[in-house]
Amino acid sequence: MFDQRDTPNGAAVFVAGRDFARRWFGGEDVIGRQMPFGPPDSKGMPTLATPVGVVDDVRYAGLDRPACGTLYFPYDQKPYSTFYLVVRTAGSPWSSSRQLRDAVHGVDLQVPLAQARTLNELRYASVAVQESRAIILGDTINTPGLNFCALVSRDGTYIFYTMNRDIYWVSAKILDELKAKAFGSSSPETKK
């Protein structure tokens, strides 16, 4: 999609995610059509960019969020200090990490590789937040003091917690009240 013509002085081009292409161009063929991009030039004319490809959407914000109209630009035309590199491997991804680092450093020794994660790790991080929605326990338990270690008694009757090195307790019925306040009259299902 990008090639050697996509230099800083070349015509501005980009690759669009499907969501962006649908929203901006109304589902029509986008290849070769132009759109305004960036500030006006020295003559006050709009700077135009041309899509040279369309790719499937990536949900950078999480699997529970919709795609957000992503655009991809040639690095030489729009350099970023941070970018993502996605690599498909045969076998364990961690066994390929040395080869990946060597390949990147073969192009530029100054580029560090940080936060290498597998797709499964990213997937889990995206849905783990949903599965462990926290409820702020409110003024009954949360105080200006140092509150630690909230534990529910075996029979589910009391919540014990420490505050400023002392042990306190409240009725566990407060959890039902807090759930109703946080989630409405019906509490969320518990996932195992």
N, C-alpha and C. Protein backbone atom coordinates (compact mmCIF):
# COMPACT_ATOMS: atom_id res chain seq x y z
N MET A 1 0.82 -1.18 0.00
CA MET A 1 0.00 0.00 0.00
C MET A 1 0.87 1.25 0.00
N PHE A 2 1.78 1.35 0.98
CA PHE A 2 2.75 2.44 0.94
C PHE A 2 3.94 1.96 0.12
N ASP A 3 4.61 2.90 -0.52
CA ASP A 3 5.81 2.52 -1.27
C ASP A 3 6.85 3.63 -1.23
N GLN A 4 7.92 3.50 -2.02
CA GLN A 4 9.04 4.43 -1.99
C GLN A 4 8.66 5.85 -2.42
N ARG A 5 7.53 6.04 -3.07
CA ARG A 5 7.09 7.39 -3.46
C ARG A 5 6.54 8.19 -2.28
N ASP A 6 6.25 7.53 -1.19
CA ASP A 6 5.61 8.18 -0.04
C ASP A 6 6.65 8.83 0.87
N THR A 7 7.28 9.86 0.35
CA THR A 7 8.34 10.59 1.03
C THR A 7 7.76 11.86 1.66
N PRO A 8 8.56 12.57 2.45
CA PRO A 8 8.06 13.83 3.03
C PRO A 8 7.60 14.84 1.98
N ASN A 9 8.22 14.85 0.80
CA ASN A 9 7.83 15.78 -0.26
C ASN A 9 6.83 15.20 -1.25
N GLY A 10 6.47 13.93 -1.06
CA GLY A 10 5.52 13.29 -1.97
C GLY A 10 4.09 13.67 -1.62
N ALA A 11 3.17 13.26 -2.46
CA ALA A 11 1.74 13.51 -2.21
C ALA A 11 1.34 12.81 -0.91
N ALA A 12 0.57 13.51 -0.08
CA ALA A 12 0.12 12.95 1.20
C ALA A 12 -0.84 11.79 0.95
N VAL A 13 -0.54 10.64 1.56
CA VAL A 13 -1.37 9.45 1.40
C VAL A 13 -1.63 8.84 2.76
N PHE A 14 -2.64 7.98 2.83
CA PHE A 14 -2.94 7.26 4.07
C PHE A 14 -3.69 5.99 3.74
N VAL A 15 -3.72 5.09 4.71
CA VAL A 15 -4.53 3.88 4.65
C VAL A 15 -5.61 4.07 5.71
N ALA A 16 -6.85 3.82 5.34
CA ALA A 16 -7.98 4.03 6.24
C ALA A 16 -8.48 2.73 6.82
N GLY A 17 -8.89 2.77 8.09
CA GLY A 17 -9.64 1.67 8.69
C GLY A 17 -11.04 1.67 8.08
N ARG A 18 -11.68 0.52 8.05
CA ARG A 18 -13.02 0.41 7.43
C ARG A 18 -14.04 1.37 8.05
N ASP A 19 -14.00 1.54 9.38
CA ASP A 19 -14.95 2.43 10.04
C ASP A 19 -14.78 3.86 9.54
N PHE A 20 -13.54 4.32 9.45
CA PHE A 20 -13.29 5.68 8.96
C PHE A 20 -13.76 5.82 7.51
N ALA A 21 -13.42 4.85 6.68
CA ALA A 21 -13.80 4.90 5.26
C ALA A 21 -15.32 4.96 5.12
N ARG A 22 -16.04 4.18 5.92
CA ARG A 22 -17.50 4.18 5.85
C ARG A 22 -18.05 5.52 6.29
N ARG A 23 -17.52 6.07 7.41
CA ARG A 23 -18.05 7.33 7.92
C ARG A 23 -17.71 8.52 7.02
N TRP A 24 -16.49 8.58 6.52
CA TRP A 24 -16.06 9.74 5.75
C TRP A 24 -16.56 9.69 4.30
N PHE A 25 -16.52 8.51 3.71
CA PHE A 25 -16.86 8.39 2.29
C PHE A 25 -18.20 7.69 2.04
N GLY A 26 -18.94 7.38 3.09
CA GLY A 26 -20.27 6.82 2.94
C GLY A 26 -20.32 5.43 2.32
N GLY A 27 -19.28 4.65 2.49
CA GLY A 27 -19.28 3.29 1.97
C GLY A 27 -18.88 3.18 0.51
N GLU A 28 -18.65 4.30 -0.16
CA GLU A 28 -18.21 4.26 -1.56
C GLU A 28 -16.74 3.85 -1.63
N ASP A 29 -16.28 3.51 -2.83
CA ASP A 29 -14.87 3.17 -3.02
C ASP A 29 -14.03 4.39 -2.68
N VAL A 30 -13.08 4.23 -1.76
CA VAL A 30 -12.31 5.38 -1.27
C VAL A 30 -10.96 5.55 -1.96
N ILE A 31 -10.46 4.50 -2.60
CA ILE A 31 -9.11 4.55 -3.17
C ILE A 31 -9.03 5.67 -4.20
N GLY A 32 -8.04 6.55 -4.01
CA GLY A 32 -7.80 7.63 -4.96
C GLY A 32 -8.60 8.90 -4.71
N ARG A 33 -9.61 8.85 -3.85
CA ARG A 33 -10.38 10.07 -3.53
C ARG A 33 -9.59 10.91 -2.54
N GLN A 34 -9.79 12.19 -2.56
CA GLN A 34 -9.02 13.06 -1.67
C GLN A 34 -9.90 13.61 -0.55
N MET A 35 -9.23 13.96 0.55
CA MET A 35 -9.92 14.58 1.66
C MET A 35 -8.98 15.61 2.28
N PRO A 36 -9.53 16.65 2.94
CA PRO A 36 -8.67 17.63 3.60
C PRO A 36 -7.87 16.97 4.71
N PHE A 37 -6.64 17.41 4.84
CA PHE A 37 -5.77 16.82 5.85
C PHE A 37 -4.76 17.88 6.29
N GLY A 38 -4.75 18.20 7.54
CA GLY A 38 -3.76 19.13 8.07
C GLY A 38 -4.10 20.58 7.78
N PRO A 39 -3.20 21.48 8.16
CA PRO A 39 -3.44 22.91 8.00
C PRO A 39 -3.35 23.32 6.53
N PRO A 40 -3.96 24.47 6.17
CA PRO A 40 -3.87 24.95 4.79
C PRO A 40 -2.42 25.23 4.40
N ASP A 41 -2.15 25.17 3.10
CA ASP A 41 -0.80 25.46 2.63
C ASP A 41 -0.54 26.97 2.67
N SER A 42 0.62 27.42 2.19
CA SER A 42 1.02 28.83 2.24
C SER A 42 0.08 29.73 1.45
N LYS A 43 -0.67 29.19 0.50
CA LYS A 43 -1.61 29.98 -0.31
C LYS A 43 -3.03 29.93 0.28
N GLY A 44 -3.19 29.29 1.45
CA GLY A 44 -4.50 29.19 2.06
C GLY A 44 -5.36 28.06 1.52
N MET A 45 -4.79 27.25 0.64
CA MET A 45 -5.54 26.13 0.07
C MET A 45 -5.47 24.93 1.02
N PRO A 46 -6.53 24.13 1.08
CA PRO A 46 -6.49 22.97 1.99
C PRO A 46 -5.45 21.96 1.53
N THR A 47 -4.78 21.38 2.50
CA THR A 47 -3.86 20.28 2.21
C THR A 47 -4.72 19.04 2.03
N LEU A 48 -4.47 18.29 0.96
CA LEU A 48 -5.27 17.12 0.67
C LEU A 48 -4.44 15.85 0.84
N ALA A 49 -5.10 14.79 1.26
CA ALA A 49 -4.46 13.47 1.37
C ALA A 49 -5.33 12.47 0.62
N THR A 50 -4.70 11.45 0.08
CA THR A 50 -5.38 10.46 -0.75
C THR A 50 -5.28 9.08 -0.11
N PRO A 51 -6.42 8.40 0.09
CA PRO A 51 -6.35 7.03 0.60
C PRO A 51 -5.81 6.09 -0.47
N VAL A 52 -4.87 5.24 -0.06
CA VAL A 52 -4.30 4.26 -0.99
C VAL A 52 -4.66 2.84 -0.59
N GLY A 53 -5.44 2.70 0.46
CA GLY A 53 -5.84 1.37 0.91
C GLY A 53 -6.84 1.44 2.04
N VAL A 54 -7.54 0.34 2.26
CA VAL A 54 -8.49 0.21 3.37
C VAL A 54 -8.17 -1.11 4.06
N VAL A 55 -8.12 -1.07 5.38
CA VAL A 55 -7.81 -2.27 6.17
C VAL A 55 -8.89 -2.48 7.22
N ASP A 56 -8.94 -3.68 7.77
CA ASP A 56 -9.89 -3.97 8.84
C ASP A 56 -9.60 -3.09 10.05
N ASP A 57 -10.63 -2.84 10.84
CA ASP A 57 -10.49 -1.99 12.02
C ASP A 57 -9.73 -2.69 13.12
N VAL A 58 -9.03 -1.89 13.92
CA VAL A 58 -8.34 -2.35 15.11
C VAL A 58 -8.97 -1.61 16.29
N ARG A 59 -9.25 -2.32 17.34
CA ARG A 59 -9.88 -1.70 18.51
C ARG A 59 -8.79 -1.39 19.54
N TYR A 60 -8.14 -0.26 19.33
CA TYR A 60 -7.04 0.13 20.21
C TYR A 60 -7.49 0.41 21.63
N ALA A 61 -8.72 0.88 21.81
CA ALA A 61 -9.21 1.26 23.14
C ALA A 61 -9.76 0.08 23.93
N GLY A 62 -9.87 -1.10 23.33
CA GLY A 62 -10.38 -2.27 24.03
C GLY A 62 -11.45 -2.97 23.23
N LEU A 63 -11.65 -4.25 23.52
CA LEU A 63 -12.61 -5.04 22.78
C LEU A 63 -14.05 -4.62 23.05
N ASP A 64 -14.28 -3.96 24.16
CA ASP A 64 -15.63 -3.52 24.49
C ASP A 64 -15.98 -2.17 23.89
N ARG A 65 -15.04 -1.55 23.21
CA ARG A 65 -15.26 -0.23 22.61
C ARG A 65 -15.33 -0.36 21.09
N PRO A 66 -16.12 0.48 20.44
CA PRO A 66 -16.19 0.40 18.98
C PRO A 66 -14.90 0.90 18.33
N ALA A 67 -14.69 0.51 17.09
CA ALA A 67 -13.55 1.02 16.34
C ALA A 67 -13.70 2.53 16.23
N CYS A 68 -12.60 3.23 16.15
CA CYS A 68 -12.69 4.69 16.25
C CYS A 68 -12.13 5.42 15.03
N GLY A 69 -12.32 4.90 13.85
CA GLY A 69 -11.92 5.65 12.66
C GLY A 69 -10.43 5.87 12.55
N THR A 70 -9.68 4.81 12.42
CA THR A 70 -8.22 4.90 12.41
C THR A 70 -7.68 5.20 11.02
N LEU A 71 -6.62 6.02 11.00
CA LEU A 71 -5.87 6.31 9.78
C LEU A 71 -4.42 5.93 10.00
N TYR A 72 -3.79 5.43 8.95
CA TYR A 72 -2.37 5.08 9.01
C TYR A 72 -1.64 5.90 7.94
N PHE A 73 -0.53 6.52 8.34
CA PHE A 73 0.25 7.35 7.43
C PHE A 73 1.66 6.78 7.28
N PRO A 74 2.30 7.03 6.12
CA PRO A 74 3.70 6.61 5.99
C PRO A 74 4.54 7.34 7.04
N TYR A 75 5.43 6.65 7.66
CA TYR A 75 6.25 7.23 8.71
C TYR A 75 7.01 8.46 8.22
N ASP A 76 7.52 8.43 6.99
CA ASP A 76 8.28 9.57 6.46
C ASP A 76 7.41 10.81 6.30
N GLN A 77 6.12 10.65 6.12
CA GLN A 77 5.23 11.80 5.97
C GLN A 77 4.66 12.29 7.30
N LYS A 78 4.54 11.42 8.24
CA LYS A 78 3.98 11.80 9.54
C LYS A 78 4.64 10.97 10.63
N PRO A 79 5.88 11.34 10.98
CA PRO A 79 6.61 10.53 11.97
C PRO A 79 6.01 10.66 13.37
N TYR A 80 5.93 9.54 14.05
CA TYR A 80 5.48 9.49 15.44
C TYR A 80 6.62 8.99 16.30
N SER A 81 6.61 9.39 17.56
CA SER A 81 7.64 8.89 18.46
C SER A 81 7.30 7.51 18.99
N THR A 82 6.02 7.13 18.90
CA THR A 82 5.57 5.82 19.38
C THR A 82 4.75 5.16 18.28
N PHE A 83 4.97 3.88 18.08
CA PHE A 83 4.15 3.15 17.14
C PHE A 83 4.09 1.70 17.56
N TYR A 84 3.09 1.01 17.01
CA TYR A 84 2.87 -0.40 17.34
C TYR A 84 3.38 -1.27 16.21
N LEU A 85 3.95 -2.38 16.57
CA LEU A 85 4.41 -3.36 15.60
C LEU A 85 3.74 -4.67 15.97
N VAL A 86 2.99 -5.24 15.04
CA VAL A 86 2.30 -6.50 15.28
C VAL A 86 2.97 -7.57 14.43
N VAL A 87 3.32 -8.68 15.05
CA VAL A 87 4.04 -9.73 14.35
C VAL A 87 3.35 -11.06 14.60
N ARG A 88 3.12 -11.82 13.54
CA ARG A 88 2.58 -13.17 13.68
C ARG A 88 3.77 -14.13 13.70
N THR A 89 3.76 -15.03 14.66
CA THR A 89 4.87 -15.98 14.79
C THR A 89 4.37 -17.40 14.69
N ALA A 90 5.27 -18.30 14.36
CA ALA A 90 4.98 -19.73 14.42
C ALA A 90 5.56 -20.21 15.74
N GLY A 91 4.73 -20.79 16.59
CA GLY A 91 5.21 -21.23 17.89
C GLY A 91 5.11 -20.13 18.92
N SER A 92 5.91 -20.24 19.95
CA SER A 92 5.87 -19.29 21.06
C SER A 92 6.33 -17.90 20.61
N PRO A 93 5.52 -16.88 20.89
CA PRO A 93 5.94 -15.53 20.49
C PRO A 93 7.21 -15.08 21.21
N TRP A 94 7.40 -15.56 22.44
CA TRP A 94 8.57 -15.12 23.19
C TRP A 94 9.86 -15.68 22.59
N SER A 95 9.78 -16.82 21.92
CA SER A 95 10.99 -17.38 21.31
C SER A 95 11.43 -16.55 20.09
N SER A 96 10.53 -15.75 19.54
CA SER A 96 10.86 -14.91 18.38
C SER A 96 11.26 -13.49 18.77
N SER A 97 11.19 -13.16 20.04
CA SER A 97 11.44 -11.77 20.45
C SER A 97 12.86 -11.32 20.12
N ARG A 98 13.83 -12.19 20.27
CA ARG A 98 15.23 -11.82 19.96
C ARG A 98 15.37 -11.52 18.47
N GLN A 99 14.77 -12.36 17.61
CA GLN A 99 14.83 -12.13 16.17
C GLN A 99 14.15 -10.81 15.80
N LEU A 100 13.03 -10.52 16.44
CA LEU A 100 12.32 -9.27 16.18
C LEU A 100 13.18 -8.07 16.58
N ARG A 101 13.78 -8.13 17.76
CA ARG A 101 14.65 -7.05 18.21
C ARG A 101 15.81 -6.86 17.24
N ASP A 102 16.42 -7.95 16.80
CA ASP A 102 17.53 -7.87 15.86
C ASP A 102 17.09 -7.25 14.53
N ALA A 103 15.90 -7.62 14.06
CA ALA A 103 15.40 -7.07 12.79
C ALA A 103 15.15 -5.57 12.90
N VAL A 104 14.55 -5.15 14.00
CA VAL A 104 14.29 -3.71 14.20
C VAL A 104 15.61 -2.96 14.32
N HIS A 105 16.52 -3.48 15.10
CA HIS A 105 17.82 -2.82 15.27
C HIS A 105 18.65 -2.86 13.99
N GLY A 106 18.37 -3.80 13.10
CA GLY A 106 19.04 -3.83 11.80
C GLY A 106 18.65 -2.63 10.95
N VAL A 107 17.47 -2.07 11.21
CA VAL A 107 17.00 -0.88 10.50
C VAL A 107 17.45 0.38 11.24
N ASP A 108 17.31 0.39 12.58
CA ASP A 108 17.67 1.57 13.37
C ASP A 108 18.00 1.13 14.79
N LEU A 109 19.26 1.29 15.17
CA LEU A 109 19.70 0.89 16.51
C LEU A 109 19.09 1.73 17.62
N GLN A 110 18.59 2.90 17.30
CA GLN A 110 18.03 3.82 18.31
C GLN A 110 16.59 3.48 18.71
N VAL A 111 15.95 2.57 17.99
CA VAL A 111 14.55 2.26 18.28
C VAL A 111 14.49 1.20 19.39
N PRO A 112 13.94 1.59 20.55
CA PRO A 112 13.79 0.60 21.62
C PRO A 112 12.49 -0.18 21.44
N LEU A 113 12.49 -1.41 21.89
CA LEU A 113 11.26 -2.21 21.90
C LEU A 113 10.79 -2.27 23.34
N ALA A 114 9.57 -1.83 23.56
CA ALA A 114 9.03 -1.80 24.92
C ALA A 114 7.65 -2.46 24.93
N GLN A 115 7.27 -2.96 26.07
CA GLN A 115 5.95 -3.53 26.29
C GLN A 115 5.57 -4.60 25.28
N ALA A 116 6.45 -5.54 25.06
CA ALA A 116 6.11 -6.66 24.20
C ALA A 116 5.07 -7.51 24.91
N ARG A 117 3.93 -7.73 24.24
CA ARG A 117 2.86 -8.52 24.82
C ARG A 117 2.25 -9.41 23.75
N THR A 118 1.75 -10.54 24.17
CA THR A 118 1.09 -11.44 23.24
C THR A 118 -0.35 -10.96 23.02
N LEU A 119 -0.97 -11.43 21.96
CA LEU A 119 -2.36 -11.08 21.69
C LEU A 119 -3.26 -11.55 22.81
N ASN A 120 -2.99 -12.72 23.37
CA ASN A 120 -3.80 -13.22 24.49
C ASN A 120 -3.69 -12.29 25.70
N GLU A 121 -2.51 -11.76 25.97
CA GLU A 121 -2.35 -10.83 27.09
C GLU A 121 -3.14 -9.54 26.86
N LEU A 122 -3.11 -9.03 25.63
CA LEU A 122 -3.86 -7.82 25.30
C LEU A 122 -5.37 -8.08 25.41
N ARG A 123 -5.80 -9.24 24.91
CA ARG A 123 -7.21 -9.62 25.00
C ARG A 123 -7.67 -9.68 26.46
N TYR A 124 -6.87 -10.35 27.28
CA TYR A 124 -7.22 -10.48 28.69
C TYR A 124 -7.28 -9.12 29.37
N ALA A 125 -6.30 -8.26 29.11
CA ALA A 125 -6.28 -6.93 29.73
C ALA A 125 -7.52 -6.13 29.33
N SER A 126 -8.00 -6.34 28.11
CA SER A 126 -9.17 -5.61 27.64
C SER A 126 -10.45 -6.02 28.35
N VAL A 127 -10.62 -7.32 28.61
CA VAL A 127 -11.85 -7.78 29.23
C VAL A 127 -11.74 -7.93 30.74
N ALA A 128 -10.54 -7.94 31.30
CA ALA A 128 -10.39 -8.11 32.75
C ALA A 128 -11.06 -6.97 33.50
N VAL A 129 -11.01 -5.78 32.95
CA VAL A 129 -11.64 -4.64 33.61
C VAL A 129 -13.14 -4.87 33.72
N GLN A 130 -13.77 -5.39 32.67
CA GLN A 130 -15.21 -5.66 32.70
C GLN A 130 -15.54 -6.71 33.74
N GLU A 131 -14.70 -7.72 33.85
CA GLU A 131 -15.02 -8.83 34.73
C GLU A 131 -14.79 -8.48 36.19
N SER A 132 -14.10 -7.41 36.47
CA SER A 132 -13.82 -7.07 37.86
C SER A 132 -14.22 -5.63 38.17
N ARG A 133 -15.44 -5.25 37.76
CA ARG A 133 -15.92 -3.90 38.06
C ARG A 133 -15.94 -3.69 39.56
N ALA A 134 -15.27 -2.66 40.00
CA ALA A 134 -15.20 -2.36 41.42
C ALA A 134 -16.31 -1.39 41.80
N ILE A 135 -16.71 -1.47 43.03
CA ILE A 135 -17.70 -0.54 43.57
C ILE A 135 -17.00 0.26 44.67
N ILE A 136 -17.11 1.57 44.62
CA ILE A 136 -16.57 2.39 45.70
C ILE A 136 -17.47 2.15 46.90
N LEU A 137 -16.87 1.80 48.01
CA LEU A 137 -17.65 1.38 49.17
C LEU A 137 -18.33 2.53 49.90
N GLY A 138 -18.04 3.75 49.55
CA GLY A 138 -18.77 4.88 50.11
C GLY A 138 -18.25 5.31 51.47
N ASP A 139 -18.91 6.32 52.03
CA ASP A 139 -18.44 6.94 53.27
C ASP A 139 -18.51 6.01 54.47
N THR A 140 -19.34 4.97 54.41
CA THR A 140 -19.45 4.06 55.55
C THR A 140 -18.12 3.38 55.81
N ILE A 141 -17.41 3.03 54.76
CA ILE A 141 -16.12 2.34 54.93
C ILE A 141 -14.96 3.23 54.51
N ASN A 142 -15.06 3.90 53.37
CA ASN A 142 -13.97 4.77 52.93
C ASN A 142 -13.97 6.05 53.75
N THR A 143 -12.89 6.29 54.43
CA THR A 143 -12.77 7.47 55.29
C THR A 143 -11.45 8.17 54.97
N PRO A 144 -11.22 9.35 55.56
CA PRO A 144 -9.94 10.02 55.33
C PRO A 144 -8.75 9.25 55.91
N GLY A 145 -9.01 8.29 56.80
CA GLY A 145 -7.94 7.50 57.38
C GLY A 145 -7.38 6.50 56.39
N LEU A 146 -6.40 5.72 56.82
CA LEU A 146 -5.81 4.68 55.99
C LEU A 146 -6.63 3.40 56.12
N ASN A 147 -7.44 3.08 55.12
CA ASN A 147 -8.31 1.91 55.15
C ASN A 147 -7.66 0.78 54.36
N PHE A 148 -7.61 -0.41 54.96
CA PHE A 148 -6.99 -1.55 54.29
C PHE A 148 -7.81 -2.82 54.54
N CYS A 149 -7.57 -3.79 53.70
CA CYS A 149 -7.94 -5.18 53.93
C CYS A 149 -9.41 -5.41 54.26
N ALA A 150 -10.30 -5.02 53.38
CA ALA A 150 -11.71 -5.33 53.60
C ALA A 150 -11.92 -6.83 53.37
N LEU A 151 -12.49 -7.51 54.36
CA LEU A 151 -12.76 -8.95 54.27
C LEU A 151 -14.20 -9.20 54.69
N VAL A 152 -14.86 -10.14 54.02
CA VAL A 152 -16.23 -10.52 54.37
C VAL A 152 -16.16 -11.77 55.24
N SER A 153 -16.96 -11.80 56.31
CA SER A 153 -16.96 -12.95 57.20
C SER A 153 -17.45 -14.19 56.45
N ARG A 154 -17.12 -15.38 56.96
CA ARG A 154 -17.48 -16.63 56.29
C ARG A 154 -18.98 -16.76 56.03
N ASP A 155 -19.74 -16.30 56.98
CA ASP A 155 -21.20 -16.43 56.82
C ASP A 155 -21.79 -15.27 56.01
N GLY A 156 -20.95 -14.32 55.57
CA GLY A 156 -21.42 -13.22 54.74
C GLY A 156 -22.17 -12.15 55.49
N THR A 157 -22.08 -12.13 56.81
CA THR A 157 -22.84 -11.19 57.62
C THR A 157 -22.12 -9.86 57.82
N TYR A 158 -20.80 -9.88 57.94
CA TYR A 158 -20.05 -8.68 58.28
C TYR A 158 -18.90 -8.43 57.29
N ILE A 159 -18.53 -7.16 57.21
CA ILE A 159 -17.30 -6.78 56.49
C ILE A 159 -16.36 -6.22 57.55
N PHE A 160 -15.16 -6.79 57.62
CA PHE A 160 -14.15 -6.30 58.54
C PHE A 160 -13.10 -5.54 57.72
N TYR A 161 -12.60 -4.46 58.27
CA TYR A 161 -11.55 -3.69 57.59
C TYR A 161 -10.71 -2.99 58.64
N THR A 162 -9.50 -2.61 58.25
CA THR A 162 -8.64 -1.90 59.18
C THR A 162 -8.57 -0.44 58.76
N MET A 163 -8.49 0.43 59.79
CA MET A 163 -8.32 1.85 59.55
C MET A 163 -7.39 2.37 60.64
N ASN A 164 -6.32 2.99 60.21
CA ASN A 164 -5.34 3.54 61.16
C ASN A 164 -4.95 2.50 62.22
N ARG A 165 -4.69 1.28 61.78
CA ARG A 165 -4.23 0.17 62.62
C ARG A 165 -5.27 -0.40 63.57
N ASP A 166 -6.52 0.02 63.47
CA ASP A 166 -7.60 -0.55 64.28
C ASP A 166 -8.50 -1.37 63.36
N ILE A 167 -9.22 -2.34 63.92
CA ILE A 167 -10.12 -3.18 63.14
C ILE A 167 -11.55 -2.70 63.36
N TYR A 168 -12.29 -2.53 62.25
CA TYR A 168 -13.68 -2.09 62.30
C TYR A 168 -14.53 -3.11 61.56
N TRP A 169 -15.85 -3.04 61.78
CA TRP A 169 -16.76 -3.92 61.06
C TRP A 169 -18.07 -3.18 60.79
N VAL A 170 -18.73 -3.60 59.70
CA VAL A 170 -20.06 -3.10 59.36
C VAL A 170 -20.88 -4.29 58.86
N SER A 171 -22.16 -4.13 58.82
CA SER A 171 -23.03 -5.17 58.29
C SER A 171 -22.76 -5.33 56.79
N ALA A 172 -22.71 -6.56 56.33
CA ALA A 172 -22.47 -6.83 54.90
C ALA A 172 -23.67 -6.43 54.05
N LYS A 173 -24.80 -6.09 54.68
CA LYS A 173 -25.95 -5.64 53.90
C LYS A 173 -25.64 -4.37 53.12
N ILE A 174 -24.62 -3.66 53.56
CA ILE A 174 -24.23 -2.45 52.84
C ILE A 174 -23.83 -2.78 51.39
N LEU A 175 -23.31 -4.00 51.16
CA LEU A 175 -22.93 -4.39 49.80
C LEU A 175 -24.14 -4.44 48.88
N ASP A 176 -25.28 -4.96 49.38
CA ASP A 176 -26.49 -4.98 48.56
C ASP A 176 -26.94 -3.57 48.22
N GLU A 177 -26.87 -2.67 49.20
CA GLU A 177 -27.24 -1.27 48.95
C GLU A 177 -26.32 -0.63 47.92
N LEU A 178 -25.02 -0.87 48.06
CA LEU A 178 -24.05 -0.29 47.13
C LEU A 178 -24.21 -0.85 45.72
N LYS A 179 -24.48 -2.18 45.62
CA LYS A 179 -24.70 -2.78 44.31
C LYS A 179 -25.92 -2.19 43.64
N ALA A 180 -26.99 -2.02 44.41
CA ALA A 180 -28.22 -1.45 43.85
C ALA A 180 -27.96 -0.02 43.38
N LYS A 181 -27.18 0.74 44.14
CA LYS A 181 -26.87 2.12 43.77
C LYS A 181 -25.97 2.16 42.52
N ALA A 182 -24.99 1.26 42.47
CA ALA A 182 -24.03 1.27 41.36
C ALA A 182 -24.58 0.67 40.08
N PHE A 183 -25.40 -0.40 40.20
CA PHE A 183 -25.84 -1.14 39.02
C PHE A 183 -27.34 -1.09 38.80
N GLY A 184 -28.06 -0.34 39.58
CA GLY A 184 -29.51 -0.34 39.45
C GLY A 184 -30.10 -1.41 40.36
N SER A 185 -31.36 -1.70 40.19
CA SER A 185 -32.03 -2.64 41.08
C SER A 185 -31.53 -4.06 40.95
N SER A 186 -31.01 -4.43 39.76
CA SER A 186 -30.51 -5.79 39.60
C SER A 186 -28.98 -5.74 39.55
N SER A 187 -28.34 -6.54 40.35
CA SER A 187 -26.88 -6.56 40.37
C SER A 187 -26.36 -7.36 39.20
N PRO A 188 -25.10 -7.10 38.76
CA PRO A 188 -24.54 -7.83 37.62
C PRO A 188 -24.31 -9.28 37.95
N GLU A 189 -24.28 -10.10 36.92
CA GLU A 189 -23.98 -11.51 37.12
C GLU A 189 -22.55 -11.69 37.55
N THR A 190 -22.30 -12.67 38.38
CA THR A 190 -20.94 -12.98 38.78
C THR A 190 -20.35 -13.94 37.78
N LYS A 191 -19.17 -13.63 37.26
CA LYS A 191 -18.50 -14.50 36.28
C LYS A 191 -17.41 -15.29 36.99
N LYS A 192 -17.30 -16.56 36.64
CA LYS A 192 -16.27 -17.40 37.23
C LYS A 192 -15.28 -17.80 36.19
